mmCIF file of all heavy atoms, coordinates in Angstrom:
data_MODEL
# 
_entry.id   MODEL 
# 
loop_
_atom_site.group_PDB 
_atom_site.id 
_atom_site.type_symbol 
_atom_site.label_atom_id 
_atom_site.label_alt_id 
_atom_site.label_comp_id 
_atom_site.label_asym_id 
_atom_site.label_entity_id 
_atom_site.label_seq_id 
_atom_site.pdbx_PDB_ins_code 
_atom_site.Cartn_x 
_atom_site.Cartn_y 
_atom_site.Cartn_z 
_atom_site.occupancy 
_atom_site.B_iso_or_equiv 
_atom_site.pdbx_formal_charge 
_atom_site.auth_seq_id 
_atom_site.auth_comp_id 
_atom_site.auth_asym_id 
_atom_site.auth_atom_id 
_atom_site.pdbx_PDB_model_num 
ATOM 1   N N   . ARG A 1 1  ? 110.304 93.520  111.212 1.00 0.00 ? 1  ARG A N   1 
ATOM 2   C CA  . ARG A 1 1  ? 108.840 93.693  111.736 1.00 0.00 ? 1  ARG A CA  1 
ATOM 3   C C   . ARG A 1 1  ? 108.787 93.597  113.246 1.00 0.00 ? 1  ARG A C   1 
ATOM 4   O O   . ARG A 1 1  ? 108.191 94.441  113.916 1.00 0.00 ? 1  ARG A O   1 
ATOM 5   C CB  . ARG A 1 1  ? 107.981 92.736  111.030 1.00 0.00 ? 1  ARG A CB  1 
ATOM 6   C CG  . ARG A 1 1  ? 106.411 93.121  111.247 1.00 0.00 ? 1  ARG A CG  1 
ATOM 7   C CD  . ARG A 1 1  ? 105.638 92.347  110.218 1.00 0.00 ? 1  ARG A CD  1 
ATOM 8   N NE  . ARG A 1 1  ? 105.722 90.905  110.421 1.00 0.00 ? 1  ARG A NE  1 
ATOM 9   C CZ  . ARG A 1 1  ? 106.161 90.109  109.500 1.00 0.00 ? 1  ARG A CZ  1 
ATOM 10  N NH1 . ARG A 1 1  ? 106.451 90.503  108.255 1.00 0.00 ? 1  ARG A NH1 1 
ATOM 11  N NH2 . ARG A 1 1  ? 106.190 88.709  109.614 1.00 0.00 ? 1  ARG A NH2 1 
ATOM 12  N N   . ALA A 1 2  ? 109.446 92.659  113.802 1.00 0.00 ? 2  ALA A N   1 
ATOM 13  C CA  . ALA A 1 2  ? 109.479 92.319  115.203 1.00 0.00 ? 2  ALA A CA  1 
ATOM 14  C C   . ALA A 1 2  ? 110.032 93.605  116.069 1.00 0.00 ? 2  ALA A C   1 
ATOM 15  O O   . ALA A 1 2  ? 109.602 94.034  117.054 1.00 0.00 ? 2  ALA A O   1 
ATOM 16  C CB  . ALA A 1 2  ? 110.211 91.053  115.654 1.00 0.00 ? 2  ALA A CB  1 
ATOM 17  N N   . ARG A 1 3  ? 111.124 94.137  115.482 1.00 0.00 ? 3  ARG A N   1 
ATOM 18  C CA  . ARG A 1 3  ? 111.699 95.345  116.175 1.00 0.00 ? 3  ARG A CA  1 
ATOM 19  C C   . ARG A 1 3  ? 111.193 96.625  115.660 1.00 0.00 ? 3  ARG A C   1 
ATOM 20  O O   . ARG A 1 3  ? 111.541 97.756  116.295 1.00 0.00 ? 3  ARG A O   1 
ATOM 21  C CB  . ARG A 1 3  ? 113.325 95.375  115.776 1.00 0.00 ? 3  ARG A CB  1 
ATOM 22  C CG  . ARG A 1 3  ? 114.044 94.261  116.651 1.00 0.00 ? 3  ARG A CG  1 
ATOM 23  C CD  . ARG A 1 3  ? 115.569 94.496  116.352 1.00 0.00 ? 3  ARG A CD  1 
ATOM 24  N NE  . ARG A 1 3  ? 116.027 95.765  116.722 1.00 0.00 ? 3  ARG A NE  1 
ATOM 25  C CZ  . ARG A 1 3  ? 116.374 96.187  117.811 1.00 0.00 ? 3  ARG A CZ  1 
ATOM 26  N NH1 . ARG A 1 3  ? 116.237 95.388  118.942 1.00 0.00 ? 3  ARG A NH1 1 
ATOM 27  N NH2 . ARG A 1 3  ? 116.935 97.448  118.117 1.00 0.00 ? 3  ARG A NH2 1 
ATOM 28  N N   . GLU A 1 4  ? 110.317 96.641  114.655 1.00 0.00 ? 4  GLU A N   1 
ATOM 29  C CA  . GLU A 1 4  ? 109.814 97.847  114.058 1.00 0.00 ? 4  GLU A CA  1 
ATOM 30  C C   . GLU A 1 4  ? 110.948 98.752  113.523 1.00 0.00 ? 4  GLU A C   1 
ATOM 31  O O   . GLU A 1 4  ? 111.023 100.008 113.781 1.00 0.00 ? 4  GLU A O   1 
ATOM 32  C CB  . GLU A 1 4  ? 108.860 98.646  115.061 1.00 0.00 ? 4  GLU A CB  1 
ATOM 33  C CG  . GLU A 1 4  ? 107.577 97.915  115.586 1.00 0.00 ? 4  GLU A CG  1 
ATOM 34  C CD  . GLU A 1 4  ? 106.735 98.690  116.208 1.00 0.00 ? 4  GLU A CD  1 
ATOM 35  O OE1 . GLU A 1 4  ? 107.133 99.430  117.231 1.00 0.00 ? 4  GLU A OE1 1 
ATOM 36  O OE2 . GLU A 1 4  ? 105.473 98.718  115.992 1.00 0.00 ? 4  GLU A OE2 1 
ATOM 37  N N   . THR A 1 5  ? 112.022 98.059  112.993 1.00 0.00 ? 5  THR A N   1 
ATOM 38  C CA  . THR A 1 5  ? 113.052 98.645  112.377 1.00 0.00 ? 5  THR A CA  1 
ATOM 39  C C   . THR A 1 5  ? 112.598 99.784  111.332 1.00 0.00 ? 5  THR A C   1 
ATOM 40  O O   . THR A 1 5  ? 113.077 100.808 111.164 1.00 0.00 ? 5  THR A O   1 
ATOM 41  C CB  . THR A 1 5  ? 114.046 97.694  111.777 1.00 0.00 ? 5  THR A CB  1 
ATOM 42  O OG1 . THR A 1 5  ? 114.531 96.930  112.756 1.00 0.00 ? 5  THR A OG1 1 
ATOM 43  C CG2 . THR A 1 5  ? 115.231 98.504  111.108 1.00 0.00 ? 5  THR A CG2 1 
ATOM 44  N N   . VAL A 1 6  ? 111.591 99.332  110.460 1.00 0.00 ? 6  VAL A N   1 
ATOM 45  C CA  . VAL A 1 6  ? 110.890 100.274 109.555 1.00 0.00 ? 6  VAL A CA  1 
ATOM 46  C C   . VAL A 1 6  ? 109.411 100.394 110.023 1.00 0.00 ? 6  VAL A C   1 
ATOM 47  O O   . VAL A 1 6  ? 108.891 99.401  110.459 1.00 0.00 ? 6  VAL A O   1 
ATOM 48  C CB  . VAL A 1 6  ? 111.048 99.770  108.198 1.00 0.00 ? 6  VAL A CB  1 
ATOM 49  C CG1 . VAL A 1 6  ? 112.496 100.105 107.618 1.00 0.00 ? 6  VAL A CG1 1 
ATOM 50  C CG2 . VAL A 1 6  ? 110.753 98.412  107.928 1.00 0.00 ? 6  VAL A CG2 1 
ATOM 51  N N   . ILE A 1 7  ? 108.941 101.584 109.871 1.00 0.00 ? 7  ILE A N   1 
ATOM 52  C CA  . ILE A 1 7  ? 107.595 101.860 110.447 1.00 0.00 ? 7  ILE A CA  1 
ATOM 53  C C   . ILE A 1 7  ? 106.846 102.727 109.291 1.00 0.00 ? 7  ILE A C   1 
ATOM 54  O O   . ILE A 1 7  ? 107.492 103.225 108.330 1.00 0.00 ? 7  ILE A O   1 
ATOM 55  C CB  . ILE A 1 7  ? 107.621 102.682 111.764 1.00 0.00 ? 7  ILE A CB  1 
ATOM 56  C CG1 . ILE A 1 7  ? 108.362 103.890 111.664 1.00 0.00 ? 7  ILE A CG1 1 
ATOM 57  C CG2 . ILE A 1 7  ? 108.136 101.667 112.865 1.00 0.00 ? 7  ILE A CG2 1 
ATOM 58  C CD1 . ILE A 1 7  ? 108.466 104.740 112.912 1.00 0.00 ? 7  ILE A CD1 1 
ATOM 59  N N   . VAL A 1 8  ? 105.614 102.711 109.447 1.00 0.00 ? 8  VAL A N   1 
ATOM 60  C CA  . VAL A 1 8  ? 104.736 103.607 108.509 1.00 0.00 ? 8  VAL A CA  1 
ATOM 61  C C   . VAL A 1 8  ? 104.210 104.744 109.229 1.00 0.00 ? 8  VAL A C   1 
ATOM 62  O O   . VAL A 1 8  ? 103.719 104.824 110.425 1.00 0.00 ? 8  VAL A O   1 
ATOM 63  C CB  . VAL A 1 8  ? 103.520 102.824 108.092 1.00 0.00 ? 8  VAL A CB  1 
ATOM 64  C CG1 . VAL A 1 8  ? 102.597 103.627 107.196 1.00 0.00 ? 8  VAL A CG1 1 
ATOM 65  C CG2 . VAL A 1 8  ? 103.873 101.571 107.379 1.00 0.00 ? 8  VAL A CG2 1 
ATOM 66  N N   . VAL A 1 9  ? 104.700 105.971 108.684 1.00 0.00 ? 9  VAL A N   1 
ATOM 67  C CA  . VAL A 1 9  ? 104.372 107.330 109.146 1.00 0.00 ? 9  VAL A CA  1 
ATOM 68  C C   . VAL A 1 9  ? 103.543 107.928 108.174 1.00 0.00 ? 9  VAL A C   1 
ATOM 69  O O   . VAL A 1 9  ? 104.000 108.242 107.061 1.00 0.00 ? 9  VAL A O   1 
ATOM 70  C CB  . VAL A 1 9  ? 105.551 108.143 109.492 1.00 0.00 ? 9  VAL A CB  1 
ATOM 71  C CG1 . VAL A 1 9  ? 105.297 109.436 110.010 1.00 0.00 ? 9  VAL A CG1 1 
ATOM 72  C CG2 . VAL A 1 9  ? 106.497 107.329 110.391 1.00 0.00 ? 9  VAL A CG2 1 
ATOM 73  N N   . ASP A 1 10 ? 102.193 108.214 108.540 1.00 0.00 ? 10 ASP A N   1 
ATOM 74  C CA  . ASP A 1 10 ? 101.279 108.991 107.549 1.00 0.00 ? 10 ASP A CA  1 
ATOM 75  C C   . ASP A 1 10 ? 101.226 108.105 106.284 1.00 0.00 ? 10 ASP A C   1 
ATOM 76  O O   . ASP A 1 10 ? 101.232 108.728 105.145 1.00 0.00 ? 10 ASP A O   1 
ATOM 77  C CB  . ASP A 1 10 ? 101.661 110.373 107.436 1.00 0.00 ? 10 ASP A CB  1 
ATOM 78  C CG  . ASP A 1 10 ? 100.661 111.264 106.799 1.00 0.00 ? 10 ASP A CG  1 
ATOM 79  O OD1 . ASP A 1 10 ? 99.402  110.819 106.821 1.00 0.00 ? 10 ASP A OD1 1 
ATOM 80  O OD2 . ASP A 1 10 ? 100.837 112.282 106.106 1.00 0.00 ? 10 ASP A OD2 1 
ATOM 81  N N   . GLY A 1 11 ? 101.201 106.871 106.292 1.00 0.00 ? 11 GLY A N   1 
ATOM 82  C CA  . GLY A 1 11 ? 101.126 106.031 105.045 1.00 0.00 ? 11 GLY A CA  1 
ATOM 83  C C   . GLY A 1 11 ? 102.444 105.854 104.298 1.00 0.00 ? 11 GLY A C   1 
ATOM 84  O O   . GLY A 1 11 ? 102.304 105.208 103.234 1.00 0.00 ? 11 GLY A O   1 
ATOM 85  N N   . ALA A 1 12 ? 103.516 106.362 104.715 1.00 0.00 ? 12 ALA A N   1 
ATOM 86  C CA  . ALA A 1 12 ? 104.821 106.161 104.092 1.00 0.00 ? 12 ALA A CA  1 
ATOM 87  C C   . ALA A 1 12 ? 105.763 105.394 104.986 1.00 0.00 ? 12 ALA A C   1 
ATOM 88  O O   . ALA A 1 12 ? 105.873 105.600 106.196 1.00 0.00 ? 12 ALA A O   1 
ATOM 89  C CB  . ALA A 1 12 ? 105.390 107.647 103.759 1.00 0.00 ? 12 ALA A CB  1 
ATOM 90  N N   . LEU A 1 13 ? 106.429 104.437 104.311 1.00 0.00 ? 13 LEU A N   1 
ATOM 91  C CA  . LEU A 1 13 ? 107.388 103.661 105.046 1.00 0.00 ? 13 LEU A CA  1 
ATOM 92  C C   . LEU A 1 13 ? 108.731 104.455 105.344 1.00 0.00 ? 13 LEU A C   1 
ATOM 93  O O   . LEU A 1 13 ? 109.243 105.088 104.431 1.00 0.00 ? 13 LEU A O   1 
ATOM 94  C CB  . LEU A 1 13 ? 107.827 102.386 104.145 1.00 0.00 ? 13 LEU A CB  1 
ATOM 95  C CG  . LEU A 1 13 ? 108.691 101.375 104.894 1.00 0.00 ? 13 LEU A CG  1 
ATOM 96  C CD1 . LEU A 1 13 ? 107.691 100.571 105.940 1.00 0.00 ? 13 LEU A CD1 1 
ATOM 97  C CD2 . LEU A 1 13 ? 109.100 100.360 103.759 1.00 0.00 ? 13 LEU A CD2 1 
ATOM 98  N N   . GLN A 1 14 ? 109.119 104.388 106.650 1.00 0.00 ? 14 GLN A N   1 
ATOM 99  C CA  . GLN A 1 14 ? 110.352 105.135 107.093 1.00 0.00 ? 14 GLN A CA  1 
ATOM 100 C C   . GLN A 1 14 ? 111.208 104.248 108.106 1.00 0.00 ? 14 GLN A C   1 
ATOM 101 O O   . GLN A 1 14 ? 110.490 103.355 108.609 1.00 0.00 ? 14 GLN A O   1 
ATOM 102 C CB  . GLN A 1 14 ? 109.903 106.451 107.772 1.00 0.00 ? 14 GLN A CB  1 
ATOM 103 C CG  . GLN A 1 14 ? 109.190 107.380 106.908 1.00 0.00 ? 14 GLN A CG  1 
ATOM 104 C CD  . GLN A 1 14 ? 109.029 108.804 107.623 1.00 0.00 ? 14 GLN A CD  1 
ATOM 105 O OE1 . GLN A 1 14 ? 109.625 108.983 108.614 1.00 0.00 ? 14 GLN A OE1 1 
ATOM 106 N NE2 . GLN A 1 14 ? 108.192 109.602 107.059 1.00 0.00 ? 14 GLN A NE2 1 
ATOM 107 N N   . PRO A 1 15 ? 112.405 104.556 108.197 1.00 0.00 ? 15 PRO A N   1 
ATOM 108 C CA  . PRO A 1 15 ? 113.243 103.898 109.306 1.00 0.00 ? 15 PRO A CA  1 
ATOM 109 C C   . PRO A 1 15 ? 112.782 104.473 110.670 1.00 0.00 ? 15 PRO A C   1 
ATOM 110 O O   . PRO A 1 15 ? 112.516 105.675 110.657 1.00 0.00 ? 15 PRO A O   1 
ATOM 111 C CB  . PRO A 1 15 ? 114.651 104.199 108.928 1.00 0.00 ? 15 PRO A CB  1 
ATOM 112 C CG  . PRO A 1 15 ? 114.559 105.536 108.169 1.00 0.00 ? 15 PRO A CG  1 
ATOM 113 C CD  . PRO A 1 15 ? 113.243 105.459 107.382 1.00 0.00 ? 15 PRO A CD  1 
ATOM 114 N N   . ALA A 1 16 ? 112.725 103.593 111.684 1.00 0.00 ? 16 ALA A N   1 
ATOM 115 C CA  . ALA A 1 16 ? 112.393 104.194 112.965 1.00 0.00 ? 16 ALA A CA  1 
ATOM 116 C C   . ALA A 1 16 ? 113.689 104.794 113.524 1.00 0.00 ? 16 ALA A C   1 
ATOM 117 O O   . ALA A 1 16 ? 114.895 104.595 113.091 1.00 0.00 ? 16 ALA A O   1 
ATOM 118 C CB  . ALA A 1 16 ? 112.085 102.929 113.910 1.00 0.00 ? 16 ALA A CB  1 
ATOM 119 N N   . PRO A 1 17 ? 113.505 105.688 114.349 1.00 0.00 ? 17 PRO A N   1 
ATOM 120 C CA  . PRO A 1 17 ? 114.604 106.353 115.061 1.00 0.00 ? 17 PRO A CA  1 
ATOM 121 C C   . PRO A 1 17 ? 115.473 105.237 115.771 1.00 0.00 ? 17 PRO A C   1 
ATOM 122 O O   . PRO A 1 17 ? 115.151 104.311 116.321 1.00 0.00 ? 17 PRO A O   1 
ATOM 123 C CB  . PRO A 1 17 ? 113.904 107.269 116.301 1.00 0.00 ? 17 PRO A CB  1 
ATOM 124 C CG  . PRO A 1 17 ? 112.690 107.509 115.684 1.00 0.00 ? 17 PRO A CG  1 
ATOM 125 C CD  . PRO A 1 17 ? 112.198 106.257 114.919 1.00 0.00 ? 17 PRO A CD  1 
ATOM 126 N N   . ALA A 1 18 ? 116.859 105.554 115.620 1.00 0.00 ? 18 ALA A N   1 
ATOM 127 C CA  . ALA A 1 18 ? 117.821 104.595 116.205 1.00 0.00 ? 18 ALA A CA  1 
ATOM 128 C C   . ALA A 1 18 ? 118.953 105.348 116.778 1.00 0.00 ? 18 ALA A C   1 
ATOM 129 O O   . ALA A 1 18 ? 119.274 106.507 116.338 1.00 0.00 ? 18 ALA A O   1 
ATOM 130 C CB  . ALA A 1 18 ? 118.290 103.568 115.049 1.00 0.00 ? 18 ALA A CB  1 
ATOM 131 N N   . PRO A 1 19 ? 119.697 104.813 117.780 1.00 0.00 ? 19 PRO A N   1 
ATOM 132 C CA  . PRO A 1 19 ? 119.454 103.608 118.476 1.00 0.00 ? 19 PRO A CA  1 
ATOM 133 C C   . PRO A 1 19 ? 118.387 103.527 119.426 1.00 0.00 ? 19 PRO A C   1 
ATOM 134 O O   . PRO A 1 19 ? 117.733 104.690 119.505 1.00 0.00 ? 19 PRO A O   1 
ATOM 135 C CB  . PRO A 1 19 ? 120.801 103.228 119.146 1.00 0.00 ? 19 PRO A CB  1 
ATOM 136 C CG  . PRO A 1 19 ? 121.295 104.671 119.419 1.00 0.00 ? 19 PRO A CG  1 
ATOM 137 C CD  . PRO A 1 19 ? 120.925 105.566 118.300 1.00 0.00 ? 19 PRO A CD  1 
ATOM 138 N N   . ARG A 1 20 ? 118.022 102.549 120.157 1.00 0.00 ? 20 ARG A N   1 
ATOM 139 C CA  . ARG A 1 20 ? 117.050 102.546 121.189 1.00 0.00 ? 20 ARG A CA  1 
ATOM 140 C C   . ARG A 1 20 ? 117.540 102.813 122.573 1.00 0.00 ? 20 ARG A C   1 
ATOM 141 O O   . ARG A 1 20 ? 118.566 102.570 122.841 1.00 0.00 ? 20 ARG A O   1 
ATOM 142 C CB  . ARG A 1 20 ? 116.441 101.083 121.173 1.00 0.00 ? 20 ARG A CB  1 
ATOM 143 C CG  . ARG A 1 20 ? 116.116 100.431 119.739 1.00 0.00 ? 20 ARG A CG  1 
ATOM 144 C CD  . ARG A 1 20 ? 115.031 101.106 119.137 1.00 0.00 ? 20 ARG A CD  1 
ATOM 145 N NE  . ARG A 1 20 ? 114.766 100.617 117.681 1.00 0.00 ? 20 ARG A NE  1 
ATOM 146 C CZ  . ARG A 1 20 ? 114.081 99.660  117.394 1.00 0.00 ? 20 ARG A CZ  1 
ATOM 147 N NH1 . ARG A 1 20 ? 113.429 98.899  118.177 1.00 0.00 ? 20 ARG A NH1 1 
ATOM 148 N NH2 . ARG A 1 20 ? 113.914 99.297  116.088 1.00 0.00 ? 20 ARG A NH2 1 
ATOM 149 N N   . PHE A 1 21 ? 116.703 103.459 123.275 1.00 0.00 ? 21 PHE A N   1 
ATOM 150 C CA  . PHE A 1 21 ? 117.055 103.914 124.702 1.00 0.00 ? 21 PHE A CA  1 
ATOM 151 C C   . PHE A 1 21 ? 116.062 103.277 125.682 1.00 0.00 ? 21 PHE A C   1 
ATOM 152 O O   . PHE A 1 21 ? 114.897 103.499 125.408 1.00 0.00 ? 21 PHE A O   1 
ATOM 153 C CB  . PHE A 1 21 ? 117.093 105.386 124.822 1.00 0.00 ? 21 PHE A CB  1 
ATOM 154 C CG  . PHE A 1 21 ? 118.227 106.035 123.777 1.00 0.00 ? 21 PHE A CG  1 
ATOM 155 C CD1 . PHE A 1 21 ? 117.978 106.315 122.576 1.00 0.00 ? 21 PHE A CD1 1 
ATOM 156 C CD2 . PHE A 1 21 ? 119.365 106.264 124.460 1.00 0.00 ? 21 PHE A CD2 1 
ATOM 157 C CE1 . PHE A 1 21 ? 118.848 106.853 121.776 1.00 0.00 ? 21 PHE A CE1 1 
ATOM 158 C CE2 . PHE A 1 21 ? 120.382 106.850 123.614 1.00 0.00 ? 21 PHE A CE2 1 
ATOM 159 C CZ  . PHE A 1 21 ? 120.159 107.111 122.299 1.00 0.00 ? 21 PHE A CZ  1 
ATOM 160 N N   . SER A 1 22 ? 116.560 102.710 126.681 1.00 0.00 ? 22 SER A N   1 
ATOM 161 C CA  . SER A 1 22 ? 115.616 102.073 127.696 1.00 0.00 ? 22 SER A CA  1 
ATOM 162 C C   . SER A 1 22 ? 114.872 103.065 128.562 1.00 0.00 ? 22 SER A C   1 
ATOM 163 O O   . SER A 1 22 ? 113.778 102.844 128.920 1.00 0.00 ? 22 SER A O   1 
ATOM 164 C CB  . SER A 1 22 ? 116.478 101.077 128.613 1.00 0.00 ? 22 SER A CB  1 
ATOM 165 O OG  . SER A 1 22 ? 117.442 101.769 129.352 1.00 0.00 ? 22 SER A OG  1 
ATOM 166 N N   . ALA A 1 23 ? 115.581 104.120 128.999 1.00 0.00 ? 23 ALA A N   1 
ATOM 167 C CA  . ALA A 1 23 ? 114.874 105.105 129.872 1.00 0.00 ? 23 ALA A CA  1 
ATOM 168 C C   . ALA A 1 23 ? 114.341 106.283 129.211 1.00 0.00 ? 23 ALA A C   1 
ATOM 169 O O   . ALA A 1 23 ? 113.410 106.900 129.770 1.00 0.00 ? 23 ALA A O   1 
ATOM 170 C CB  . ALA A 1 23 ? 115.999 105.504 130.914 1.00 0.00 ? 23 ALA A CB  1 
ATOM 171 N N   . THR A 1 24 ? 114.867 106.668 128.057 1.00 0.00 ? 24 THR A N   1 
ATOM 172 C CA  . THR A 1 24 ? 114.365 107.837 127.392 1.00 0.00 ? 24 THR A CA  1 
ATOM 173 C C   . THR A 1 24 ? 114.089 107.488 125.937 1.00 0.00 ? 24 THR A C   1 
ATOM 174 O O   . THR A 1 24 ? 114.674 107.991 125.012 1.00 0.00 ? 24 THR A O   1 
ATOM 175 C CB  . THR A 1 24 ? 115.303 108.978 127.470 1.00 0.00 ? 24 THR A CB  1 
ATOM 176 O OG1 . THR A 1 24 ? 116.669 108.555 126.864 1.00 0.00 ? 24 THR A OG1 1 
ATOM 177 C CG2 . THR A 1 24 ? 115.673 109.497 128.841 1.00 0.00 ? 24 THR A CG2 1 
ATOM 178 N N   . PRO A 1 25 ? 113.023 106.705 125.734 1.00 0.00 ? 25 PRO A N   1 
ATOM 179 C CA  . PRO A 1 25 ? 112.813 106.196 124.291 1.00 0.00 ? 25 PRO A CA  1 
ATOM 180 C C   . PRO A 1 25 ? 112.309 107.412 123.493 1.00 0.00 ? 25 PRO A C   1 
ATOM 181 O O   . PRO A 1 25 ? 111.700 108.408 123.888 1.00 0.00 ? 25 PRO A O   1 
ATOM 182 C CB  . PRO A 1 25 ? 111.760 105.296 124.367 1.00 0.00 ? 25 PRO A CB  1 
ATOM 183 C CG  . PRO A 1 25 ? 110.958 105.586 125.740 1.00 0.00 ? 25 PRO A CG  1 
ATOM 184 C CD  . PRO A 1 25 ? 112.197 106.112 126.620 1.00 0.00 ? 25 PRO A CD  1 
ATOM 185 N N   . ALA A 1 26 ? 112.718 107.405 122.150 1.00 0.00 ? 26 ALA A N   1 
ATOM 186 C CA  . ALA A 1 26 ? 112.269 108.363 121.291 1.00 0.00 ? 26 ALA A CA  1 
ATOM 187 C C   . ALA A 1 26 ? 110.824 108.341 120.852 1.00 0.00 ? 26 ALA A C   1 
ATOM 188 O O   . ALA A 1 26 ? 110.214 107.225 120.957 1.00 0.00 ? 26 ALA A O   1 
ATOM 189 C CB  . ALA A 1 26 ? 113.061 108.309 119.978 1.00 0.00 ? 26 ALA A CB  1 
ATOM 190 N N   . ALA A 1 27 ? 110.281 109.398 120.638 1.00 0.00 ? 27 ALA A N   1 
ATOM 191 C CA  . ALA A 1 27 ? 108.691 109.400 120.232 1.00 0.00 ? 27 ALA A CA  1 
ATOM 192 C C   . ALA A 1 27 ? 108.618 109.046 118.733 1.00 0.00 ? 27 ALA A C   1 
ATOM 193 O O   . ALA A 1 27 ? 109.548 108.854 118.014 1.00 0.00 ? 27 ALA A O   1 
ATOM 194 C CB  . ALA A 1 27 ? 108.300 110.802 120.358 1.00 0.00 ? 27 ALA A CB  1 
ATOM 195 N N   . ALA A 1 28 ? 107.457 108.584 118.434 1.00 0.00 ? 28 ALA A N   1 
ATOM 196 C CA  . ALA A 1 28 ? 107.109 108.188 117.089 1.00 0.00 ? 28 ALA A CA  1 
ATOM 197 C C   . ALA A 1 28 ? 107.339 109.403 116.184 1.00 0.00 ? 28 ALA A C   1 
ATOM 198 O O   . ALA A 1 28 ? 107.069 110.506 116.474 1.00 0.00 ? 28 ALA A O   1 
ATOM 199 C CB  . ALA A 1 28 ? 105.736 107.672 116.846 1.00 0.00 ? 28 ALA A CB  1 
ATOM 200 N N   . PRO A 1 29 ? 108.033 109.251 115.018 1.00 0.00 ? 29 PRO A N   1 
ATOM 201 C CA  . PRO A 1 29 ? 108.310 110.334 113.984 1.00 0.00 ? 29 PRO A CA  1 
ATOM 202 C C   . PRO A 1 29 ? 107.052 110.960 113.556 1.00 0.00 ? 29 PRO A C   1 
ATOM 203 O O   . PRO A 1 29 ? 105.934 110.286 113.480 1.00 0.00 ? 29 PRO A O   1 
ATOM 204 C CB  . PRO A 1 29 ? 109.026 109.668 112.866 1.00 0.00 ? 29 PRO A CB  1 
ATOM 205 C CG  . PRO A 1 29 ? 109.568 108.314 113.470 1.00 0.00 ? 29 PRO A CG  1 
ATOM 206 C CD  . PRO A 1 29 ? 108.579 107.868 114.469 1.00 0.00 ? 29 PRO A CD  1 
# 
């Protein structure tokens, strides 16, 4: 939960994009 490893997208649980990038972070799915 702290890392938002899994997130809710349109009411559905999904894995967040990985890995993480400091300068070019991925957008929310």
